[in-house]
Amino acid sequence: MKTKVEDLAAEIATLEEHEQRELWERVAELNLRRGLYALSEQYRERLRKQGELDRSVEEVLAELRHIREYIASDDYPG
């Protein structure tokens, strides 16, 4: 009895080379999207646990500005 994966593999093998290439590009794109979504969810969960998920854009930008200024003053004193 063939499995679903074996059936798909057999069908893919019948495709022309350019169709296979398009298929693999599409699979890679979908995997990338899935991975980015999973990473985004992990990051959101971490921010939620740290109590920072609901911070405003202004708060985040102010903190980044402070970090940038601190680094600049440390790297380029005076």
N, C-alpha and C. Protein backbone atom coordinates (compact mmCIF):
# COMPACT_ATOMS: atom_id res chain seq x y z
N MET A 1 0.84 -1.17 0.00
CA MET A 1 0.00 0.00 0.00
C MET A 1 0.89 1.25 0.00
N LYS A 2 0.63 2.14 -0.93
CA LYS A 2 1.41 3.37 -1.04
C LYS A 2 0.93 4.38 0.00
N THR A 3 1.88 5.16 0.45
CA THR A 3 1.53 6.25 1.36
C THR A 3 1.28 7.52 0.56
N LYS A 4 0.74 8.50 1.22
CA LYS A 4 0.47 9.78 0.58
C LYS A 4 1.77 10.39 0.05
N VAL A 5 2.84 10.29 0.83
CA VAL A 5 4.13 10.85 0.42
C VAL A 5 4.66 10.12 -0.81
N GLU A 6 4.52 8.81 -0.83
CA GLU A 6 4.97 8.05 -2.00
C GLU A 6 4.17 8.44 -3.24
N ASP A 7 2.88 8.63 -3.07
CA ASP A 7 2.04 9.07 -4.19
C ASP A 7 2.47 10.44 -4.70
N LEU A 8 2.73 11.35 -3.79
CA LEU A 8 3.19 12.68 -4.18
C LEU A 8 4.53 12.61 -4.90
N ALA A 9 5.45 11.81 -4.38
CA ALA A 9 6.77 11.66 -4.99
C ALA A 9 6.64 11.13 -6.41
N ALA A 10 5.78 10.15 -6.59
CA ALA A 10 5.59 9.58 -7.93
C ALA A 10 5.00 10.62 -8.88
N GLU A 11 4.07 11.41 -8.38
CA GLU A 11 3.48 12.45 -9.22
C GLU A 11 4.51 13.53 -9.56
N ILE A 12 5.32 13.92 -8.60
CA ILE A 12 6.36 14.93 -8.83
C ILE A 12 7.36 14.44 -9.86
N ALA A 13 7.68 13.17 -9.80
CA ALA A 13 8.64 12.60 -10.75
C ALA A 13 8.14 12.68 -12.19
N THR A 14 6.85 12.77 -12.38
CA THR A 14 6.31 12.86 -13.74
C THR A 14 6.34 14.29 -14.29
N LEU A 15 6.59 15.26 -13.42
CA LEU A 15 6.61 16.66 -13.86
C LEU A 15 7.86 16.94 -14.68
N GLU A 16 7.75 17.92 -15.55
CA GLU A 16 8.92 18.34 -16.30
C GLU A 16 9.87 19.08 -15.36
N GLU A 17 11.12 19.20 -15.80
CA GLU A 17 12.15 19.79 -14.93
C GLU A 17 11.78 21.19 -14.46
N HIS A 18 11.29 22.04 -15.35
CA HIS A 18 10.95 23.41 -14.94
C HIS A 18 9.77 23.41 -13.96
N GLU A 19 8.86 22.46 -14.11
CA GLU A 19 7.73 22.37 -13.17
C GLU A 19 8.22 21.91 -11.80
N GLN A 20 9.16 20.98 -11.79
CA GLN A 20 9.73 20.53 -10.51
C GLN A 20 10.45 21.68 -9.82
N ARG A 21 11.21 22.44 -10.60
CA ARG A 21 11.94 23.58 -10.04
C ARG A 21 10.95 24.58 -9.43
N GLU A 22 9.88 24.88 -10.14
CA GLU A 22 8.85 25.79 -9.62
C GLU A 22 8.23 25.24 -8.34
N LEU A 23 7.99 23.95 -8.34
CA LEU A 23 7.40 23.31 -7.17
C LEU A 23 8.32 23.44 -5.97
N TRP A 24 9.61 23.15 -6.15
CA TRP A 24 10.56 23.21 -5.02
C TRP A 24 10.72 24.65 -4.53
N GLU A 25 10.68 25.61 -5.44
CA GLU A 25 10.74 27.01 -5.03
C GLU A 25 9.52 27.38 -4.18
N ARG A 26 8.38 26.89 -4.60
CA ARG A 26 7.14 27.16 -3.84
C ARG A 26 7.18 26.49 -2.46
N VAL A 27 7.68 25.25 -2.42
CA VAL A 27 7.80 24.55 -1.14
C VAL A 27 8.75 25.30 -0.21
N ALA A 28 9.88 25.77 -0.76
CA ALA A 28 10.84 26.52 0.04
C ALA A 28 10.20 27.80 0.58
N GLU A 29 9.44 28.49 -0.26
CA GLU A 29 8.77 29.72 0.16
C GLU A 29 7.78 29.45 1.28
N LEU A 30 7.01 28.38 1.13
CA LEU A 30 6.03 28.03 2.17
C LEU A 30 6.72 27.66 3.48
N ASN A 31 7.82 26.92 3.39
CA ASN A 31 8.57 26.56 4.60
C ASN A 31 9.15 27.78 5.28
N LEU A 32 9.64 28.73 4.48
CA LEU A 32 10.17 29.97 5.04
C LEU A 32 9.07 30.73 5.77
N ARG A 33 7.92 30.86 5.13
CA ARG A 33 6.80 31.55 5.78
C ARG A 33 6.39 30.86 7.07
N ARG A 34 6.32 29.55 7.04
CA ARG A 34 5.93 28.79 8.23
C ARG A 34 6.95 29.02 9.35
N GLY A 35 8.24 29.00 8.98
CA GLY A 35 9.29 29.21 9.98
C GLY A 35 9.24 30.62 10.55
N LEU A 36 9.03 31.62 9.70
CA LEU A 36 8.93 33.00 10.18
C LEU A 36 7.72 33.19 11.09
N TYR A 37 6.62 32.54 10.74
CA TYR A 37 5.43 32.63 11.57
C TYR A 37 5.70 32.01 12.95
N ALA A 38 6.35 30.84 12.97
CA ALA A 38 6.65 30.17 14.23
C ALA A 38 7.60 31.04 15.07
N LEU A 39 8.60 31.62 14.45
CA LEU A 39 9.53 32.49 15.16
C LEU A 39 8.79 33.71 15.72
N SER A 40 7.90 34.28 14.94
CA SER A 40 7.11 35.42 15.39
C SER A 40 6.26 35.05 16.60
N GLU A 41 5.66 33.89 16.57
CA GLU A 41 4.85 33.44 17.70
C GLU A 41 5.70 33.25 18.95
N GLN A 42 6.89 32.68 18.79
CA GLN A 42 7.79 32.49 19.94
C GLN A 42 8.20 33.85 20.52
N TYR A 43 8.50 34.79 19.65
CA TYR A 43 8.90 36.12 20.09
C TYR A 43 7.75 36.81 20.82
N ARG A 44 6.52 36.71 20.28
CA ARG A 44 5.36 37.29 20.94
C ARG A 44 5.15 36.69 22.32
N GLU A 45 5.31 35.37 22.41
CA GLU A 45 5.13 34.69 23.70
C GLU A 45 6.17 35.17 24.71
N ARG A 46 7.41 35.32 24.25
CA ARG A 46 8.46 35.81 25.14
C ARG A 46 8.13 37.23 25.62
N LEU A 47 7.71 38.10 24.71
CA LEU A 47 7.34 39.46 25.10
C LEU A 47 6.16 39.47 26.06
N ARG A 48 5.20 38.58 25.81
CA ARG A 48 4.04 38.49 26.70
C ARG A 48 4.48 38.09 28.11
N LYS A 49 5.36 37.09 28.22
CA LYS A 49 5.85 36.64 29.53
C LYS A 49 6.64 37.73 30.23
N GLN A 50 7.33 38.56 29.47
CA GLN A 50 8.12 39.65 30.05
C GLN A 50 7.26 40.89 30.31
N GLY A 51 5.98 40.84 29.94
CA GLY A 51 5.09 41.96 30.16
C GLY A 51 5.35 43.12 29.21
N GLU A 52 5.95 42.84 28.09
CA GLU A 52 6.30 43.91 27.15
C GLU A 52 5.51 43.86 25.84
N LEU A 53 4.61 42.95 25.72
CA LEU A 53 3.87 42.79 24.46
C LEU A 53 3.00 43.99 24.13
N ASP A 54 2.47 44.63 25.15
CA ASP A 54 1.53 45.73 24.93
C ASP A 54 2.19 47.11 25.00
N ARG A 55 3.51 47.15 24.93
CA ARG A 55 4.19 48.46 24.94
C ARG A 55 3.86 49.22 23.66
N SER A 56 3.78 50.52 23.80
CA SER A 56 3.46 51.34 22.63
C SER A 56 4.68 51.48 21.73
N VAL A 57 4.42 51.84 20.50
CA VAL A 57 5.49 52.07 19.53
C VAL A 57 6.41 53.18 20.04
N GLU A 58 5.82 54.21 20.62
CA GLU A 58 6.60 55.33 21.13
C GLU A 58 7.57 54.89 22.22
N GLU A 59 7.11 54.00 23.12
CA GLU A 59 7.98 53.50 24.18
C GLU A 59 9.15 52.72 23.60
N VAL A 60 8.87 51.87 22.65
CA VAL A 60 9.92 51.05 22.04
C VAL A 60 10.93 51.93 21.32
N LEU A 61 10.43 52.90 20.54
CA LEU A 61 11.33 53.79 19.81
C LEU A 61 12.17 54.65 20.77
N ALA A 62 11.58 55.10 21.87
CA ALA A 62 12.33 55.87 22.86
C ALA A 62 13.45 55.03 23.46
N GLU A 63 13.15 53.78 23.77
CA GLU A 63 14.18 52.89 24.33
C GLU A 63 15.29 52.65 23.31
N LEU A 64 14.92 52.42 22.06
CA LEU A 64 15.93 52.22 21.01
C LEU A 64 16.79 53.47 20.83
N ARG A 65 16.18 54.64 20.90
CA ARG A 65 16.91 55.90 20.78
C ARG A 65 17.91 56.04 21.93
N HIS A 66 17.47 55.68 23.13
CA HIS A 66 18.35 55.74 24.30
C HIS A 66 19.53 54.77 24.13
N ILE A 67 19.26 53.57 23.66
CA ILE A 67 20.33 52.59 23.44
C ILE A 67 21.31 53.10 22.40
N ARG A 68 20.78 53.65 21.32
CA ARG A 68 21.63 54.18 20.25
C ARG A 68 22.52 55.30 20.78
N GLU A 69 21.95 56.22 21.56
CA GLU A 69 22.72 57.33 22.12
C GLU A 69 23.78 56.84 23.08
N TYR A 70 23.45 55.84 23.89
CA TYR A 70 24.41 55.27 24.84
C TYR A 70 25.60 54.65 24.08
N ILE A 71 25.30 53.88 23.05
CA ILE A 71 26.36 53.25 22.26
C ILE A 71 27.22 54.31 21.59
N ALA A 72 26.58 55.31 21.02
CA ALA A 72 27.32 56.37 20.33
C ALA A 72 28.22 57.11 21.30
N SER A 73 27.74 57.43 22.49
CA SER A 73 28.56 58.16 23.46
C SER A 73 29.70 57.28 23.98
N ASP A 74 29.47 55.99 24.05
CA ASP A 74 30.52 55.07 24.51
C ASP A 74 31.58 54.87 23.43
N ASP A 75 31.16 54.76 22.20
CA ASP A 75 32.09 54.53 21.08
C ASP A 75 32.79 55.81 20.63
N TYR A 76 32.09 56.95 20.78
CA TYR A 76 32.61 58.22 20.30
C TYR A 76 32.51 59.28 21.41
N PRO A 77 33.29 59.14 22.47
CA PRO A 77 33.19 60.09 23.58
C PRO A 77 33.62 61.49 23.14
N GLY A 78 32.96 62.49 23.74
CA GLY A 78 33.31 63.90 23.50
C GLY A 78 32.88 64.34 22.22
